[in-house]
PDB file of N, CA and C in Angstrom:
ATOM      1  N   MET A   1     -10.055  -9.774  24.732  1.00  0.00           N
ATOM      2  CA  MET A   1      -9.139  -8.756  24.245  1.00  0.00           C
ATOM      3  C   MET A   1      -9.317  -7.490  25.082  1.00  0.00           C
ATOM      4  N   ASN A   2      -8.212  -6.889  25.461  1.00  0.00           N
ATOM      5  CA  ASN A   2      -8.226  -5.683  26.278  1.00  0.00           C
ATOM      6  C   ASN A   2      -8.392  -4.443  25.412  1.00  0.00           C
ATOM      7  N   ARG A   3      -9.049  -3.440  25.970  1.00  0.00           N
ATOM      8  CA  ARG A   3      -9.218  -2.164  25.263  1.00  0.00           C
ATOM      9  C   ARG A   3      -8.315  -1.135  25.924  1.00  0.00           C
ATOM     10  N   PHE A   4      -7.444  -0.550  25.148  1.00  0.00           N
ATOM     11  CA  PHE A   4      -6.512   0.467  25.631  1.00  0.00           C
ATOM     12  C   PHE A   4      -7.114   1.847  25.385  1.00  0.00           C
ATOM     13  N   THR A   5      -7.131   2.679  26.406  1.00  0.00           N
ATOM     14  CA  THR A   5      -7.636   4.044  26.285  1.00  0.00           C
ATOM     15  C   THR A   5      -6.485   5.016  26.514  1.00  0.00           C
ATOM     16  N   PRO A   6      -6.159   5.860  25.527  1.00  0.00           N
ATOM     17  CA  PRO A   6      -5.061   6.810  25.701  1.00  0.00           C
ATOM     18  C   PRO A   6      -5.455   7.990  26.596  1.00  0.00           C
ATOM     19  N   PHE A   7      -4.502   8.510  27.329  1.00  0.00           N
ATOM     20  CA  PHE A   7      -4.665   9.686  28.182  1.00  0.00           C
ATOM     21  C   PHE A   7      -3.588  10.705  27.850  1.00  0.00           C
ATOM     22  N   ASN A   8      -3.687  11.875  28.472  1.00  0.00           N
ATOM     23  CA  ASN A   8      -2.645  12.908  28.440  1.00  0.00           C
ATOM     24  C   ASN A   8      -2.238  13.317  27.024  1.00  0.00           C
ATOM     25  N   ARG A   9      -3.238  13.675  26.181  1.00  0.00           N
ATOM     26  CA  ARG A   9      -3.035  14.224  24.841  1.00  0.00           C
ATOM     27  C   ARG A   9      -2.384  13.228  23.864  1.00  0.00           C
ATOM     28  N   HIS A  10      -2.532  11.935  24.106  1.00  0.00           N
ATOM     29  CA  HIS A  10      -1.964  10.932  23.208  1.00  0.00           C
ATOM     30  C   HIS A  10      -3.015  10.404  22.231  1.00  0.00           C
ATOM     31  N   VAL A  11      -2.519   9.964  21.077  1.00  0.00           N
ATOM     32  CA  VAL A  11      -3.353   9.399  20.023  1.00  0.00           C
ATOM     33  C   VAL A  11      -2.899   7.955  19.818  1.00  0.00           C
ATOM     34  N   LEU A  12      -3.843   7.022  19.847  1.00  0.00           N
ATOM     35  CA  LEU A  12      -3.571   5.607  19.591  1.00  0.00           C
ATOM     36  C   LEU A  12      -3.716   5.371  18.095  1.00  0.00           C
ATOM     37  N   VAL A  13      -2.684   4.820  17.454  1.00  0.00           N
ATOM     38  CA  VAL A  13      -2.678   4.693  15.994  1.00  0.00           C
ATOM     39  C   VAL A  13      -2.291   3.291  15.546  1.00  0.00           C
ATOM     40  N   ASP A  14      -2.661   2.985  14.298  1.00  0.00           N
ATOM     41  CA  ASP A  14      -2.118   1.863  13.543  1.00  0.00           C
ATOM     42  C   ASP A  14      -1.188   2.473  12.508  1.00  0.00           C
ATOM     43  N   ILE A  15      -0.005   1.915  12.355  1.00  0.00           N
ATOM     44  CA  ILE A  15       0.947   2.427  11.375  1.00  0.00           C
ATOM     45  C   ILE A  15       0.624   1.812  10.018  1.00  0.00           C
ATOM     46  N   LEU A  16       0.473   2.645   9.005  1.00  0.00           N
ATOM     47  CA  LEU A  16       0.189   2.192   7.642  1.00  0.00           C
ATOM     48  C   LEU A  16       1.468   2.342   6.821  1.00  0.00           C
ATOM     49  N   GLU A  17       2.266   1.289   6.757  1.00  0.00           N
ATOM     50  CA  GLU A  17       3.528   1.323   6.008  1.00  0.00           C
ATOM     51  C   GLU A  17       3.263   1.154   4.526  1.00  0.00           C
ATOM     52  N   GLU A  18       4.004   1.876   3.719  1.00  0.00           N
ATOM     53  CA  GLU A  18       3.923   1.684   2.278  1.00  0.00           C
ATOM     54  C   GLU A  18       4.636   0.385   1.935  1.00  0.00           C
ATOM     55  N   ASP A  19       4.090  -0.347   0.966  1.00  0.00           N
ATOM     56  CA  ASP A  19       4.733  -1.575   0.515  1.00  0.00           C
ATOM     57  C   ASP A  19       6.006  -1.230  -0.237  1.00  0.00           C
ATOM     58  N   GLU A  20       7.110  -1.841   0.201  1.00  0.00           N
ATOM     59  CA  GLU A  20       8.366  -1.624  -0.495  1.00  0.00           C
ATOM     60  C   GLU A  20       8.487  -2.660  -1.595  1.00  0.00           C
ATOM     61  N   GLN A  21       8.570  -2.189  -2.817  1.00  0.00           N
ATOM     62  CA  GLN A  21       8.665  -3.089  -3.951  1.00  0.00           C
ATOM     63  C   GLN A  21      10.129  -3.229  -4.361  1.00  0.00           C
ATOM     64  N   GLU A  22      10.484  -4.458  -4.701  1.00  0.00           N
ATOM     65  CA  GLU A  22      11.829  -4.706  -5.183  1.00  0.00           C
ATOM     66  C   GLU A  22      11.971  -4.105  -6.579  1.00  0.00           C
ATOM     67  N   LYS A  23      13.008  -3.317  -6.772  1.00  0.00           N
ATOM     68  CA  LYS A  23      13.278  -2.726  -8.078  1.00  0.00           C
ATOM     69  C   LYS A  23      14.621  -3.236  -8.558  1.00  0.00           C
ATOM     70  N   GLU A  24      14.704  -3.409  -9.849  1.00  0.00           N
ATOM     71  CA  GLU A  24      15.993  -3.786 -10.415  1.00  0.00           C
ATOM     72  C   GLU A  24      16.837  -2.534 -10.550  1.00  0.00           C
ATOM     73  N   HIS A  25      18.061  -2.631 -10.066  1.00  0.00           N
ATOM     74  CA  HIS A  25      18.968  -1.493 -10.121  1.00  0.00           C
ATOM     75  C   HIS A  25      20.044  -1.773 -11.165  1.00  0.00           C
ATOM     76  N   SER A  26      20.522  -0.699 -11.761  1.00  0.00           N
ATOM     77  CA  SER A  26      21.597  -0.851 -12.741  1.00  0.00           C
ATOM     78  C   SER A  26      22.963  -0.827 -12.067  1.00  0.00           C
ATOM     79  N   PHE A  27      22.963  -0.819 -10.734  1.00  0.00           N
ATOM     80  CA  PHE A  27      24.215  -0.863  -9.990  1.00  0.00           C
ATOM     81  C   PHE A  27      24.036  -1.814  -8.807  1.00  0.00           C
ATOM     82  N   LEU A  28      25.130  -2.300  -8.277  1.00  0.00           N
ATOM     83  CA  LEU A  28      25.084  -3.279  -7.195  1.00  0.00           C
ATOM     84  C   LEU A  28      24.967  -2.592  -5.841  1.00  0.00           C
ATOM     85  N   LEU A  29      24.118  -3.158  -5.004  1.00  0.00           N
ATOM     86  CA  LEU A  29      23.967  -2.682  -3.639  1.00  0.00           C
ATOM     87  C   LEU A  29      24.396  -3.785  -2.687  1.00  0.00           C
ATOM     88  N   PRO A  30      24.893  -3.431  -1.502  1.00  0.00           N
ATOM     89  CA  PRO A  30      25.252  -4.467  -0.534  1.00  0.00           C
ATOM     90  C   PRO A  30      24.018  -5.308  -0.181  1.00  0.00           C
ATOM     91  N   ALA A  31      24.223  -6.568   0.149  1.00  0.00           N
ATOM     92  CA  ALA A  31      23.119  -7.477   0.458  1.00  0.00           C
ATOM     93  C   ALA A  31      22.294  -6.994   1.644  1.00  0.00           C
ATOM     94  N   ASP A  32      22.920  -6.307   2.602  1.00  0.00           N
ATOM     95  CA  ASP A  32      22.205  -5.839   3.793  1.00  0.00           C
ATOM     96  C   ASP A  32      21.713  -4.390   3.661  1.00  0.00           C
ATOM     97  N   TYR A  33      21.728  -3.848   2.447  1.00  0.00           N
ATOM     98  CA  TYR A  33      21.291  -2.474   2.218  1.00  0.00           C
ATOM     99  C   TYR A  33      19.787  -2.347   2.450  1.00  0.00           C
ATOM    100  N   LYS A  34      19.403  -1.329   3.197  1.00  0.00           N
ATOM    101  CA  LYS A  34      17.995  -1.022   3.420  1.00  0.00           C
ATOM    102  C   LYS A  34      17.765   0.441   3.071  1.00  0.00           C
ATOM    103  N   LYS A  35      16.733   0.686   2.284  1.00  0.00           N
ATOM    104  CA  LYS A  35      16.390   2.050   1.908  1.00  0.00           C
ATOM    105  C   LYS A  35      16.014   2.821   3.168  1.00  0.00           C
ATOM    106  N   GLN A  36      16.537   4.036   3.291  1.00  0.00           N
ATOM    107  CA  GLN A  36      16.256   4.861   4.453  1.00  0.00           C
ATOM    108  C   GLN A  36      14.778   5.256   4.457  1.00  0.00           C
ATOM    109  N   LYS A  37      14.144   5.099   5.602  1.00  0.00           N
ATOM    110  CA  LYS A  37      12.726   5.417   5.716  1.00  0.00           C
ATOM    111  C   LYS A  37      12.541   6.911   5.917  1.00  0.00           C
ATOM    112  N   SER A  38      11.404   7.397   5.448  1.00  0.00           N
ATOM    113  CA  SER A  38      11.039   8.792   5.624  1.00  0.00           C
ATOM    114  C   SER A  38      10.900   9.092   7.117  1.00  0.00           C
ATOM    115  N   PRO A  39      11.199  10.321   7.535  1.00  0.00           N
ATOM    116  CA  PRO A  39      11.012  10.674   8.946  1.00  0.00           C
ATOM    117  C   PRO A  39       9.530  10.792   9.318  1.00  0.00           C
ATOM    118  N   TYR A  40       8.647  10.687   8.326  1.00  0.00           N
ATOM    119  CA  TYR A  40       7.204  10.803   8.567  1.00  0.00           C
ATOM    120  C   TYR A  40       6.523   9.519   8.108  1.00  0.00           C
ATOM    121  N   VAL A  41       5.401   9.199   8.748  1.00  0.00           N
ATOM    122  CA  VAL A  41       4.691   7.965   8.421  1.00  0.00           C
ATOM    123  C   VAL A  41       3.186   8.219   8.468  1.00  0.00           C
ATOM    124  N   LEU A  42       2.465   7.496   7.626  1.00  0.00           N
ATOM    125  CA  LEU A  42       1.015   7.569   7.576  1.00  0.00           C
ATOM    126  C   LEU A  42       0.440   6.608   8.619  1.00  0.00           C
ATOM    127  N   CYS A  43      -0.506   7.092   9.413  1.00  0.00           N
ATOM    128  CA  CYS A  43      -1.132   6.280  10.454  1.00  0.00           C
ATOM    129  C   CYS A  43      -2.645   6.446  10.402  1.00  0.00           C
ATOM    130  N   LYS A  44      -3.344   5.467  10.961  1.00  0.00           N
ATOM    131  CA  LYS A  44      -4.802   5.536  11.094  1.00  0.00           C
ATOM    132  C   LYS A  44      -5.122   5.677  12.578  1.00  0.00           C
ATOM    133  N   VAL A  45      -5.954   6.659  12.914  1.00  0.00           N
ATOM    134  CA  VAL A  45      -6.342   6.917  14.298  1.00  0.00           C
ATOM    135  C   VAL A  45      -7.296   5.825  14.773  1.00  0.00           C
ATOM    136  N   LYS A  46      -6.926   5.148  15.867  1.00  0.00           N
ATOM    137  CA  LYS A  46      -7.796   4.141  16.475  1.00  0.00           C
ATOM    138  C   LYS A  46      -8.597   4.745  17.627  1.00  0.00           C
ATOM    139  N   ASP A  47      -7.956   5.647  18.386  1.00  0.00           N
ATOM    140  CA  ASP A  47      -8.598   6.305  19.524  1.00  0.00           C
ATOM    141  C   ASP A  47      -7.719   7.495  19.900  1.00  0.00           C
ATOM    142  N   PHE A  48      -8.251   8.385  20.725  1.00  0.00           N
ATOM    143  CA  PHE A  48      -7.466   9.534  21.172  1.00  0.00           C
ATOM    144  C   PHE A  48      -7.977   9.987  22.526  1.00  0.00           C
ATOM    145  N   SER A  49      -7.098  10.658  23.265  1.00  0.00           N
ATOM    146  CA  SER A  49      -7.428  11.147  24.590  1.00  0.00           C
ATOM    147  C   SER A  49      -8.483  12.243  24.509  1.00  0.00           C
ATOM    148  N   CYS A  50      -9.335  12.306  25.521  1.00  0.00           N
ATOM    149  CA  CYS A  50     -10.404  13.318  25.531  1.00  0.00           C
ATOM    150  C   CYS A  50      -9.855  14.734  25.679  1.00  0.00           C
ATOM    151  N   ASP A  51      -8.592  14.898  26.098  1.00  0.00           N
ATOM    152  CA  ASP A  51      -8.028  16.242  26.235  1.00  0.00           C
ATOM    153  C   ASP A  51      -7.199  16.677  25.022  1.00  0.00           C
ATOM    154  N   CYS A  52      -7.275  15.934  23.899  1.00  0.00           N
ATOM    155  CA  CYS A  52      -6.591  16.350  22.663  1.00  0.00           C
ATOM    156  C   CYS A  52      -7.234  17.641  22.149  1.00  0.00           C
ATOM    157  N   LYS A  53      -6.403  18.566  21.727  1.00  0.00           N
ATOM    158  CA  LYS A  53      -6.898  19.846  21.236  1.00  0.00           C
ATOM    159  C   LYS A  53      -6.934  19.917  19.709  1.00  0.00           C
ATOM    160  N   ILE A  54      -6.379  18.901  19.026  1.00  0.00           N
ATOM    161  CA  ILE A  54      -6.405  18.908  17.574  1.00  0.00           C
ATOM    162  C   ILE A  54      -7.701  18.277  17.084  1.00  0.00           C
ATOM    163  N   ASP A  55      -8.092  18.629  15.876  1.00  0.00           N
ATOM    164  CA  ASP A  55      -9.356  18.177  15.308  1.00  0.00           C
ATOM    165  C   ASP A  55      -9.161  16.851  14.573  1.00  0.00           C
ATOM    166  N   ILE A  56      -9.268  15.733  15.309  1.00  0.00           N
ATOM    167  CA  ILE A  56      -9.131  14.410  14.706  1.00  0.00           C
ATOM    168  C   ILE A  56     -10.344  13.573  15.041  1.00  0.00           C
ATOM    169  N   ILE A  57     -10.547  12.522  14.254  1.00  0.00           N
ATOM    170  CA  ILE A  57     -11.627  11.575  14.505  1.00  0.00           C
ATOM    171  C   ILE A  57     -11.081  10.161  14.328  1.00  0.00           C
ATOM    172  N   THR A  58     -11.775   9.189  14.888  1.00  0.00           N
ATOM    173  CA  THR A  58     -11.392   7.790  14.737  1.00  0.00           C
ATOM    174  C   THR A  58     -11.428   7.404  13.258  1.00  0.00           C
ATOM    175  N   ASN A  59     -10.478   6.590  12.829  1.00  0.00           N
ATOM    176  CA  ASN A  59     -10.297   6.103  11.454  1.00  0.00           C
ATOM    177  C   ASN A  59      -9.756   7.160  10.501  1.00  0.00           C
ATOM    178  N   MET A  60      -9.395   8.320  10.997  1.00  0.00           N
ATOM    179  CA  MET A  60      -8.786   9.361  10.161  1.00  0.00           C
ATOM    180  C   MET A  60      -7.339   8.970   9.866  1.00  0.00           C
ATOM    181  N   ASN A  61      -6.873   9.248   8.654  1.00  0.00           N
ATOM    182  CA  ASN A  61      -5.478   9.011   8.285  1.00  0.00           C
ATOM    183  C   ASN A  61      -4.685  10.281   8.580  1.00  0.00           C
ATOM    184  N   ILE A  62      -3.598  10.132   9.340  1.00  0.00           N
ATOM    185  CA  ILE A  62      -2.783  11.274   9.745  1.00  0.00           C
ATOM    186  C   ILE A  62      -1.316  11.026   9.417  1.00  0.00           C
ATOM    187  N   ILE A  63      -0.571  12.111   9.315  1.00  0.00           N
ATOM    188  CA  ILE A  63       0.884  12.056   9.129  1.00  0.00           C
ATOM    189  C   ILE A  63       1.534  12.410  10.461  1.00  0.00           C
ATOM    190  N   VAL A  64       2.437  11.545  10.922  1.00  0.00           N
ATOM    191  CA  VAL A  64       3.124  11.796  12.189  1.00  0.00           C
ATOM    192  C   VAL A  64       4.628  11.638  12.018  1.00  0.00           C
ATOM    193  N   GLN A  65       5.358  12.186  12.964  1.00  0.00           N
ATOM    194  CA  GLN A  65       6.805  12.043  12.974  1.00  0.00           C
ATOM    195  C   GLN A  65       7.144  10.635  13.460  1.00  0.00           C
ATOM    196  N   ARG A  66       7.791   9.847  12.594  1.00  0.00           N
ATOM    197  CA  ARG A  66       8.069   8.427  12.859  1.00  0.00           C
ATOM    198  C   ARG A  66       8.812   8.209  14.177  1.00  0.00           C
ATOM    199  N   SER A  67       9.792   9.031  14.470  1.00  0.00           N
ATOM    200  CA  SER A  67      10.610   8.822  15.666  1.00  0.00           C
ATOM    201  C   SER A  67       9.866   9.111  16.968  1.00  0.00           C
ATOM    202  N   MET A  68       8.702   9.726  16.888  1.00  0.00           N
ATOM    203  CA  MET A  68       7.936  10.073  18.084  1.00  0.00           C
ATOM    204  C   MET A  68       6.839   9.058  18.407  1.00  0.00           C
ATOM    205  N   ILE A  69       6.743   7.991  17.625  1.00  0.00           N
ATOM    206  CA  ILE A  69       5.753   6.952  17.904  1.00  0.00           C
ATOM    207  C   ILE A  69       6.300   6.048  19.002  1.00  0.00           C
ATOM    208  N   GLU A  70       5.528   5.914  20.069  1.00  0.00           N
ATOM    209  CA  GLU A  70       5.906   5.055  21.190  1.00  0.00           C
ATOM    210  C   GLU A  70       5.264   3.684  21.001  1.00  0.00           C
ATOM    211  N   GLU A  71       6.052   2.631  21.083  1.00  0.00           N
ATOM    212  CA  GLU A  71       5.538   1.257  20.988  1.00  0.00           C
ATOM    213  C   GLU A  71       5.446   0.689  22.389  1.00  0.00           C
ATOM    214  N   ILE A  72       4.239   0.289  22.775  1.00  0.00           N
ATOM    215  CA  ILE A  72       4.011  -0.238  24.120  1.00  0.00           C
ATOM    216  C   ILE A  72       3.490  -1.661  23.992  1.00  0.00           C
ATOM    217  N   GLU A  73       4.144  -2.607  24.682  1.00  0.00           N
ATOM    218  CA  GLU A  73       3.692  -3.999  24.686  1.00  0.00           C
ATOM    219  C   GLU A  73       3.201  -4.337  26.086  1.00  0.00           C
ATOM    220  N   ILE A  74       1.893  -4.623  26.186  1.00  0.00           N
ATOM    221  CA  ILE A  74       1.264  -4.949  27.460  1.00  0.00           C
ATOM    222  C   ILE A  74       0.342  -6.147  27.261  1.00  0.00           C
ATOM    223  N   LEU A  75       0.461  -7.138  28.116  1.00  0.00           N
ATOM    224  CA  LEU A  75      -0.412  -8.321  28.094  1.00  0.00           C
ATOM    225  C   LEU A  75      -0.506  -8.957  26.708  1.00  0.00           C
ATOM    226  N   GLY A  76       0.623  -9.044  26.028  1.00  0.00           N
ATOM    227  CA  GLY A  76       0.677  -9.702  24.730  1.00  0.00           C
ATOM    228  C   GLY A  76       0.156  -8.871  23.565  1.00  0.00           C
ATOM    229  N   GLN A  77      -0.167  -7.610  23.792  1.00  0.00           N
ATOM    230  CA  GLN A  77      -0.662  -6.740  22.733  1.00  0.00           C
ATOM    231  C   GLN A  77       0.306  -5.579  22.541  1.00  0.00           C
ATOM    232  N   THR A  78       0.425  -5.115  21.296  1.00  0.00           N
ATOM    233  CA  THR A  78       1.278  -3.979  20.983  1.00  0.00           C
ATOM    234  C   THR A  78       0.403  -2.783  20.617  1.00  0.00           C
ATOM    235  N   TYR A  79       0.710  -1.649  21.224  1.00  0.00           N
ATOM    236  CA  TYR A  79      -0.018  -0.410  20.972  1.00  0.00           C
ATOM    237  C   TYR A  79       0.978   0.648  20.506  1.00  0.00           C
ATOM    238  N   TYR A  80       0.536   1.516  19.596  1.00  0.00           N
ATOM    239  CA  TYR A  80       1.372   2.604  19.102  1.00  0.00           C
ATOM    240  C   TYR A  80       0.707   3.914  19.481  1.00  0.00           C
ATOM    241  N   LEU A  81       1.450   4.748  20.211  1.00  0.00           N
ATOM    242  CA  LEU A  81       0.943   6.032  20.678  1.00  0.00           C
ATOM    243  C   LEU A  81       1.831   7.160  20.179  1.00  0.00           C
ATOM    244  N   VAL A  82       1.201   8.291  19.894  1.00  0.00           N
ATOM    245  CA  VAL A  82       1.949   9.487  19.526  1.00  0.00           C
ATOM    246  C   VAL A  82       1.287  10.666  20.237  1.00  0.00           C
ATOM    247  N   LEU A  83       2.101  11.565  20.737  1.00  0.00           N
ATOM    248  CA  LEU A  83       1.598  12.777  21.367  1.00  0.00           C
ATOM    249  C   LEU A  83       1.026  13.684  20.286  1.00  0.00           C
ATOM    250  N   GLU A  84      -0.072  14.347  20.565  1.00  0.00           N
ATOM    251  CA  GLU A  84      -0.736  15.168  19.550  1.00  0.00           C
ATOM    252  C   GLU A  84       0.184  16.227  18.933  1.00  0.00           C
ATOM    253  N   ASN A  85       1.219  16.660  19.631  1.00  0.00           N
ATOM    254  CA  ASN A  85       2.164  17.656  19.093  1.00  0.00           C
ATOM    255  C   ASN A  85       2.877  17.174  17.835  1.00  0.00           C
ATOM    256  N   TYR A  86       2.968  15.850  17.651  1.00  0.00           N
ATOM    257  CA  TYR A  86       3.717  15.278  16.533  1.00  0.00           C
ATOM    258  C   TYR A  86       2.819  14.822  15.390  1.00  0.00           C
ATOM    259  N   VAL A  87       1.554  15.240  15.423  1.00  0.00           N
ATOM    260  CA  VAL A  87       0.632  15.001  14.313  1.00  0.00           C
ATOM    261  C   VAL A  87       0.716  16.227  13.409  1.00  0.00           C
ATOM    262  N   TYR A  88       1.142  16.021  12.153  1.00  0.00           N
ATOM    263  CA  TYR A  88       1.349  17.135  11.227  1.00  0.00           C
ATOM    264  C   TYR A  88       0.112  17.481  10.416  1.00  0.00           C
ATOM    265  N   GLY A  89      -0.790  16.523  10.253  1.00  0.00           N
ATOM    266  CA  GLY A  89      -2.004  16.798   9.483  1.00  0.00           C
ATOM    267  C   GLY A  89      -2.697  15.510   9.089  1.00  0.00           C
ATOM    268  N   GLY A  90      -3.822  15.685   8.409  1.00  0.00           N
ATOM    269  CA  GLY A  90      -4.617  14.539   7.979  1.00  0.00           C
ATOM    270  C   GLY A  90      -4.646  14.396   6.479  1.00  0.00           C
ATOM    271  N   ILE A  91      -4.901  13.179   6.028  1.00  0.00           N
ATOM    272  CA  ILE A  91      -5.074  12.863   4.622  1.00  0.00           C
ATOM    273  C   ILE A  91      -6.549  12.548   4.427  1.00  0.00           C
ATOM    274  N   GLU A  92      -7.216  13.274   3.550  1.00  0.00           N
ATOM    275  CA  GLU A  92      -8.662  13.124   3.389  1.00  0.00           C
ATOM    276  C   GLU A  92      -9.083  11.913   2.591  1.00  0.00           C
ATOM    277  N   ASN A  93      -8.309  11.529   1.552  1.00  0.00           N
ATOM    278  CA  ASN A  93      -8.744  10.399   0.742  1.00  0.00           C
ATOM    279  C   ASN A  93      -8.559   9.093   1.494  1.00  0.00           C
ATOM    280  N   GLU A  94      -9.386   8.107   1.181  1.00  0.00           N
ATOM    281  CA  GLU A  94      -9.388   6.818   1.864  1.00  0.00           C
ATOM    282  C   GLU A  94      -8.157   6.013   1.478  1.00  0.00           C
ATOM    283  N   ILE A  95      -7.351   5.641   2.466  1.00  0.00           N
ATOM    284  CA  ILE A  95      -6.157   4.824   2.250  1.00  0.00           C
ATOM    285  C   ILE A  95      -6.247   3.662   3.214  1.00  0.00           C
ATOM    286  N   ASP A  96      -6.247   2.438   2.702  1.00  0.00           N
ATOM    287  CA  ASP A  96      -6.292   1.254   3.564  1.00  0.00           C
ATOM    288  C   ASP A  96      -5.193   0.310   3.243  1.00  0.00           C
TER     289      ASP A  96
END
């Protein structure tokens, strides 16, 4: 397995999606209806560039702007990177 090291103020993350539960509605929705996702998403820090100026640590849970997450597929592996500018803050309680 290859180890990816981020550079240039980037943070390597795992995206922690909330489980979408099916709810019964009192009205009909189209079969292809999808609930709009929040513009922000919870992520877990896997690694970060040595030139990051924000105070983060590995395994920290952070909130980032969803549209700014870059998905990179290299050698059969998928990596998610976000520039430190799009990290809004951290969540202190343990979320897995």
